Amino acid sequence: MSDKSFREAFPERLKYYLDMREKTRQDLVRDLGLKYTTVCDWVNGRSVPRMDKVELLANYFQCEKSELLEFKDTATEDELSAAREELSAILSDFSEAEIAVLLASLKSVRGKVQ
């Protein structure tokens, strides 16, 4: 595990999987029979789930428990593949001019990150 503890990593990873799978807190409540306040507490880092709930969430998001428990500085190959597919779908609706502007922006951001 990196420098971040489970208590710090879990809310970030939960938010990541909610976004990646296009799910809401309400979806978790409905689909898994959880209490809304419990889910909100997890997302906001006020509490952490017991391991049985981590396993329930991992099964729901179709990921390993460690993916929810550990902070990841880099995306897994599956996550990168999903992100590339989503980006490709979005770009298919862009005009050539919009793609040129986006590409220039990405190059600028990339230079700042490296």
N, C-alpha and C. Protein backbone atom coordinates (compact mmCIF):
# COMPACT_ATOMS: atom_id res chain seq x y z
N MET A 1 0.85 -1.17 0.00
CA MET A 1 0.00 0.00 0.00
C MET A 1 0.89 1.23 0.00
N SER A 2 0.46 2.29 -0.61
CA SER A 2 1.25 3.51 -0.65
C SER A 2 1.14 4.24 0.67
N ASP A 3 1.59 5.51 0.68
CA ASP A 3 1.58 6.31 1.90
C ASP A 3 0.17 6.55 2.43
N LYS A 4 -0.80 6.49 1.58
CA LYS A 4 -2.17 6.75 2.03
C LYS A 4 -2.73 5.52 2.74
N SER A 5 -3.40 5.76 3.84
CA SER A 5 -4.01 4.67 4.59
C SER A 5 -5.32 4.24 3.94
N PHE A 6 -5.80 3.12 4.40
CA PHE A 6 -7.09 2.61 3.95
C PHE A 6 -8.17 3.66 4.16
N ARG A 7 -8.14 4.33 5.31
CA ARG A 7 -9.14 5.33 5.63
C ARG A 7 -9.12 6.49 4.62
N GLU A 8 -7.95 6.83 4.12
CA GLU A 8 -7.84 7.90 3.13
C GLU A 8 -8.11 7.39 1.71
N ALA A 9 -7.63 6.18 1.44
CA ALA A 9 -7.74 5.65 0.09
C ALA A 9 -9.15 5.22 -0.27
N PHE A 10 -9.86 4.60 0.68
CA PHE A 10 -11.16 4.03 0.35
C PHE A 10 -12.14 5.04 -0.25
N PRO A 11 -12.34 6.23 0.35
CA PRO A 11 -13.30 7.17 -0.25
C PRO A 11 -12.92 7.57 -1.67
N GLU A 12 -11.63 7.75 -1.91
CA GLU A 12 -11.19 8.11 -3.26
C GLU A 12 -11.48 7.00 -4.25
N ARG A 13 -11.17 5.77 -3.85
CA ARG A 13 -11.38 4.63 -4.74
C ARG A 13 -12.88 4.38 -4.96
N LEU A 14 -13.68 4.55 -3.92
CA LEU A 14 -15.12 4.38 -4.06
C LEU A 14 -15.68 5.41 -5.04
N LYS A 15 -15.28 6.66 -4.91
CA LYS A 15 -15.73 7.70 -5.84
C LYS A 15 -15.28 7.38 -7.26
N TYR A 16 -14.05 6.88 -7.38
CA TYR A 16 -13.53 6.51 -8.70
C TYR A 16 -14.41 5.45 -9.35
N TYR A 17 -14.73 4.40 -8.61
CA TYR A 17 -15.55 3.32 -9.19
C TYR A 17 -16.98 3.76 -9.43
N LEU A 18 -17.51 4.62 -8.59
CA LEU A 18 -18.85 5.16 -8.85
C LEU A 18 -18.84 5.91 -10.18
N ASP A 19 -17.84 6.75 -10.38
CA ASP A 19 -17.74 7.51 -11.63
C ASP A 19 -17.49 6.60 -12.82
N MET A 20 -16.54 5.69 -12.66
CA MET A 20 -16.17 4.82 -13.77
C MET A 20 -17.34 3.95 -14.22
N ARG A 21 -18.12 3.47 -13.29
CA ARG A 21 -19.26 2.59 -13.63
C ARG A 21 -20.56 3.38 -13.82
N GLU A 22 -20.42 4.72 -13.75
CA GLU A 22 -21.58 5.60 -13.92
C GLU A 22 -22.71 5.23 -12.96
N LYS A 23 -22.35 5.08 -11.70
CA LYS A 23 -23.29 4.76 -10.64
C LYS A 23 -23.38 5.92 -9.67
N THR A 24 -24.48 6.00 -8.98
CA THR A 24 -24.68 7.03 -7.97
C THR A 24 -24.74 6.38 -6.59
N ARG A 25 -24.72 7.20 -5.58
CA ARG A 25 -24.88 6.69 -4.22
C ARG A 25 -26.23 5.99 -4.10
N GLN A 26 -27.22 6.58 -4.71
CA GLN A 26 -28.56 6.01 -4.66
C GLN A 26 -28.60 4.63 -5.32
N ASP A 27 -27.79 4.44 -6.38
CA ASP A 27 -27.70 3.12 -7.01
C ASP A 27 -27.19 2.08 -6.01
N LEU A 28 -26.16 2.45 -5.25
CA LEU A 28 -25.63 1.52 -4.25
C LEU A 28 -26.69 1.17 -3.21
N VAL A 29 -27.42 2.17 -2.77
CA VAL A 29 -28.47 1.96 -1.78
C VAL A 29 -29.51 0.98 -2.33
N ARG A 30 -29.97 1.25 -3.53
CA ARG A 30 -31.01 0.42 -4.14
C ARG A 30 -30.49 -0.98 -4.48
N ASP A 31 -29.33 -1.04 -5.14
CA ASP A 31 -28.84 -2.32 -5.65
C ASP A 31 -28.27 -3.24 -4.57
N LEU A 32 -27.70 -2.64 -3.51
CA LEU A 32 -27.05 -3.46 -2.49
C LEU A 32 -27.76 -3.46 -1.15
N GLY A 33 -28.86 -2.72 -1.05
CA GLY A 33 -29.61 -2.70 0.20
C GLY A 33 -28.90 -1.99 1.33
N LEU A 34 -28.12 -0.98 0.98
CA LEU A 34 -27.38 -0.21 1.99
C LEU A 34 -28.18 1.01 2.41
N LYS A 35 -27.81 1.59 3.53
CA LYS A 35 -28.44 2.84 3.97
C LYS A 35 -27.74 4.01 3.29
N TYR A 36 -28.53 5.00 2.89
CA TYR A 36 -27.96 6.15 2.20
C TYR A 36 -26.92 6.87 3.07
N THR A 37 -27.21 7.03 4.35
CA THR A 37 -26.26 7.73 5.24
C THR A 37 -24.95 6.95 5.36
N THR A 38 -25.02 5.64 5.33
CA THR A 38 -23.81 4.81 5.39
C THR A 38 -22.95 5.04 4.15
N VAL A 39 -23.58 5.02 2.99
CA VAL A 39 -22.85 5.25 1.74
C VAL A 39 -22.24 6.65 1.73
N CYS A 40 -22.99 7.64 2.16
CA CYS A 40 -22.48 9.01 2.22
C CYS A 40 -21.29 9.10 3.17
N ASP A 41 -21.37 8.43 4.31
CA ASP A 41 -20.26 8.42 5.25
C ASP A 41 -19.01 7.79 4.63
N TRP A 42 -19.18 6.74 3.87
CA TRP A 42 -18.03 6.11 3.19
C TRP A 42 -17.43 7.06 2.16
N VAL A 43 -18.29 7.65 1.33
CA VAL A 43 -17.81 8.55 0.26
C VAL A 43 -17.10 9.77 0.84
N ASN A 44 -17.61 10.27 1.95
CA ASN A 44 -17.03 11.46 2.57
C ASN A 44 -15.91 11.16 3.56
N GLY A 45 -15.58 9.89 3.72
CA GLY A 45 -14.47 9.51 4.59
C GLY A 45 -14.75 9.60 6.08
N ARG A 46 -16.02 9.67 6.44
CA ARG A 46 -16.38 9.73 7.87
C ARG A 46 -16.33 8.36 8.52
N SER A 47 -16.46 7.32 7.71
CA SER A 47 -16.35 5.95 8.22
C SER A 47 -15.88 5.06 7.09
N VAL A 48 -15.48 3.86 7.45
CA VAL A 48 -15.04 2.87 6.46
C VAL A 48 -15.87 1.61 6.65
N PRO A 49 -16.08 0.88 5.58
CA PRO A 49 -16.92 -0.33 5.68
C PRO A 49 -16.17 -1.50 6.31
N ARG A 50 -16.93 -2.42 6.86
CA ARG A 50 -16.37 -3.69 7.31
C ARG A 50 -15.98 -4.48 6.06
N MET A 51 -15.16 -5.50 6.26
CA MET A 51 -14.65 -6.26 5.11
C MET A 51 -15.76 -6.96 4.33
N ASP A 52 -16.85 -7.36 4.98
CA ASP A 52 -17.93 -7.99 4.23
C ASP A 52 -18.56 -7.00 3.25
N LYS A 53 -18.61 -5.73 3.64
CA LYS A 53 -19.16 -4.70 2.75
C LYS A 53 -18.17 -4.36 1.64
N VAL A 54 -16.87 -4.41 1.96
CA VAL A 54 -15.85 -4.19 0.92
C VAL A 54 -15.98 -5.28 -0.14
N GLU A 55 -16.18 -6.51 0.30
CA GLU A 55 -16.35 -7.61 -0.64
C GLU A 55 -17.62 -7.43 -1.47
N LEU A 56 -18.70 -6.99 -0.83
CA LEU A 56 -19.95 -6.72 -1.54
C LEU A 56 -19.73 -5.65 -2.62
N LEU A 57 -19.02 -4.59 -2.26
CA LEU A 57 -18.74 -3.51 -3.22
C LEU A 57 -17.82 -3.99 -4.35
N ALA A 58 -16.82 -4.79 -4.01
CA ALA A 58 -15.91 -5.31 -5.02
C ALA A 58 -16.67 -6.17 -6.03
N ASN A 59 -17.56 -7.00 -5.54
CA ASN A 59 -18.38 -7.82 -6.45
C ASN A 59 -19.27 -6.93 -7.31
N TYR A 60 -19.84 -5.92 -6.72
CA TYR A 60 -20.72 -5.00 -7.44
C TYR A 60 -19.98 -4.27 -8.56
N PHE A 61 -18.78 -3.79 -8.24
CA PHE A 61 -17.99 -3.04 -9.23
C PHE A 61 -17.14 -3.95 -10.10
N GLN A 62 -17.19 -5.25 -9.84
CA GLN A 62 -16.42 -6.25 -10.58
C GLN A 62 -14.93 -5.90 -10.55
N CYS A 63 -14.43 -5.71 -9.33
CA CYS A 63 -13.02 -5.41 -9.14
C CYS A 63 -12.51 -6.22 -7.96
N GLU A 64 -11.22 -6.20 -7.75
CA GLU A 64 -10.62 -6.85 -6.60
C GLU A 64 -10.83 -5.99 -5.36
N LYS A 65 -10.90 -6.62 -4.21
CA LYS A 65 -11.04 -5.86 -2.96
C LYS A 65 -9.89 -4.87 -2.80
N SER A 66 -8.70 -5.29 -3.21
CA SER A 66 -7.53 -4.41 -3.08
C SER A 66 -7.68 -3.14 -3.89
N GLU A 67 -8.46 -3.20 -4.96
CA GLU A 67 -8.69 -2.00 -5.77
C GLU A 67 -9.48 -0.95 -5.00
N LEU A 68 -10.25 -1.38 -4.03
CA LEU A 68 -11.00 -0.44 -3.19
C LEU A 68 -10.22 -0.04 -1.94
N LEU A 69 -9.28 -0.85 -1.55
CA LEU A 69 -8.59 -0.63 -0.28
C LEU A 69 -7.29 0.15 -0.40
N GLU A 70 -6.69 0.12 -1.57
CA GLU A 70 -5.38 0.73 -1.74
C GLU A 70 -5.45 1.89 -2.70
N PHE A 71 -4.69 2.92 -2.37
CA PHE A 71 -4.61 4.06 -3.26
C PHE A 71 -3.74 3.68 -4.45
N LYS A 72 -4.21 4.01 -5.62
CA LYS A 72 -3.48 3.71 -6.85
C LYS A 72 -3.07 5.01 -7.51
N ASP A 73 -1.78 5.19 -7.69
CA ASP A 73 -1.30 6.37 -8.40
C ASP A 73 -1.44 6.19 -9.91
N THR A 74 -1.49 4.95 -10.36
CA THR A 74 -1.61 4.68 -11.77
C THR A 74 -2.80 3.76 -12.00
N ALA A 75 -3.40 3.91 -13.15
CA ALA A 75 -4.56 3.10 -13.49
C ALA A 75 -4.10 1.71 -13.94
N THR A 76 -4.95 0.74 -13.73
CA THR A 76 -4.68 -0.60 -14.22
C THR A 76 -4.92 -0.63 -15.72
N GLU A 77 -4.48 -1.70 -16.37
CA GLU A 77 -4.68 -1.84 -17.81
C GLU A 77 -6.17 -1.83 -18.16
N ASP A 78 -6.99 -2.50 -17.35
CA ASP A 78 -8.43 -2.51 -17.61
C ASP A 78 -9.02 -1.11 -17.50
N GLU A 79 -8.57 -0.36 -16.50
CA GLU A 79 -9.06 1.01 -16.32
C GLU A 79 -8.64 1.89 -17.48
N LEU A 80 -7.38 1.73 -17.92
CA LEU A 80 -6.90 2.50 -19.07
C LEU A 80 -7.65 2.15 -20.34
N SER A 81 -7.91 0.88 -20.52
CA SER A 81 -8.65 0.43 -21.70
C SER A 81 -10.06 1.01 -21.71
N ALA A 82 -10.73 0.98 -20.55
CA ALA A 82 -12.08 1.53 -20.45
C ALA A 82 -12.06 3.03 -20.70
N ALA A 83 -11.06 3.72 -20.18
CA ALA A 83 -10.96 5.17 -20.37
C ALA A 83 -10.71 5.50 -21.84
N ARG A 84 -9.87 4.70 -22.50
CA ARG A 84 -9.59 4.94 -23.93
C ARG A 84 -10.85 4.73 -24.77
N GLU A 85 -11.61 3.69 -24.44
CA GLU A 85 -12.85 3.43 -25.18
C GLU A 85 -13.84 4.58 -24.99
N GLU A 86 -13.95 5.07 -23.76
CA GLU A 86 -14.86 6.18 -23.48
C GLU A 86 -14.41 7.44 -24.21
N LEU A 87 -13.11 7.70 -24.20
CA LEU A 87 -12.57 8.86 -24.88
C LEU A 87 -12.81 8.77 -26.39
N SER A 88 -12.61 7.60 -26.94
CA SER A 88 -12.85 7.39 -28.37
C SER A 88 -14.31 7.66 -28.73
N ALA A 89 -15.22 7.18 -27.91
CA ALA A 89 -16.65 7.41 -28.16
C ALA A 89 -16.98 8.90 -28.10
N ILE A 90 -16.40 9.59 -27.16
CA ILE A 90 -16.65 11.03 -27.03
C ILE A 90 -16.07 11.78 -28.23
N LEU A 91 -14.85 11.42 -28.61
CA LEU A 91 -14.19 12.12 -29.72
C LEU A 91 -14.90 11.91 -31.06
N SER A 92 -15.62 10.83 -31.20
CA SER A 92 -16.30 10.57 -32.47
C SER A 92 -17.34 11.64 -32.79
N ASP A 93 -17.78 12.38 -31.76
CA ASP A 93 -18.77 13.45 -31.97
C ASP A 93 -18.12 14.82 -32.17
N PHE A 94 -16.79 14.91 -32.04
CA PHE A 94 -16.09 16.19 -32.17
C PHE A 94 -15.79 16.51 -33.63
N SER A 95 -15.79 17.80 -33.93
CA SER A 95 -15.36 18.25 -35.26
C SER A 95 -13.83 18.27 -35.31
N GLU A 96 -13.26 18.42 -36.51
CA GLU A 96 -11.80 18.49 -36.64
C GLU A 96 -11.24 19.68 -35.87
N ALA A 97 -11.94 20.80 -35.91
CA ALA A 97 -11.47 21.99 -35.19
C ALA A 97 -11.48 21.75 -33.68
N GLU A 98 -12.52 21.10 -33.18
CA GLU A 98 -12.60 20.81 -31.75
C GLU A 98 -11.49 19.85 -31.32
N ILE A 99 -11.20 18.87 -32.17
CA ILE A 99 -10.13 17.92 -31.87
C ILE A 99 -8.78 18.63 -31.83
N ALA A 100 -8.57 19.57 -32.75
CA ALA A 100 -7.31 20.32 -32.77
C ALA A 100 -7.13 21.13 -31.48
N VAL A 101 -8.20 21.77 -31.03
CA VAL A 101 -8.14 22.54 -29.79
C VAL A 101 -7.88 21.62 -28.60
N LEU A 102 -8.57 20.51 -28.57
CA LEU A 102 -8.40 19.54 -27.49
C LEU A 102 -6.98 18.99 -27.49
N LEU A 103 -6.45 18.66 -28.63
CA LEU A 103 -5.10 18.13 -28.73
C LEU A 103 -4.08 19.13 -28.21
N ALA A 104 -4.24 20.40 -28.58
CA ALA A 104 -3.34 21.44 -28.08
C ALA A 104 -3.42 21.54 -26.56
N SER A 105 -4.62 21.45 -26.02
CA SER A 105 -4.80 21.50 -24.57
C SER A 105 -4.14 20.30 -23.89
N LEU A 106 -4.33 19.13 -24.46
CA LEU A 106 -3.73 17.92 -23.89
C LEU A 106 -2.21 17.99 -23.89
N LYS A 107 -1.65 18.51 -24.97
CA LYS A 107 -0.20 18.65 -25.03
C LYS A 107 0.29 19.61 -23.96
N SER A 108 -0.47 20.65 -23.72
CA SER A 108 -0.11 21.63 -22.69
C SER A 108 -0.14 20.99 -21.31
N VAL A 109 -1.20 20.23 -21.02
CA VAL A 109 -1.33 19.56 -19.74
C VAL A 109 -0.23 18.51 -19.58
N ARG A 110 0.04 17.79 -20.63
CA ARG A 110 1.06 16.74 -20.57
C ARG A 110 2.41 17.32 -20.22
N GLY A 111 2.72 18.47 -20.79
CA GLY A 111 3.98 19.13 -20.48
C GLY A 111 4.09 19.55 -19.04
N LYS A 112 2.96 19.89 -18.42
CA LYS A 112 2.94 20.29 -17.02
C LYS A 112 3.04 19.10 -16.08
N VAL A 113 2.55 17.94 -16.52
CA VAL A 113 2.55 16.75 -15.68
C VAL A 113 3.91 16.09 -15.69
N GLN A 114 4.58 16.11 -16.81
CA GLN A 114 5.88 15.41 -16.93
C GLN A 114 6.97 16.09 -16.21
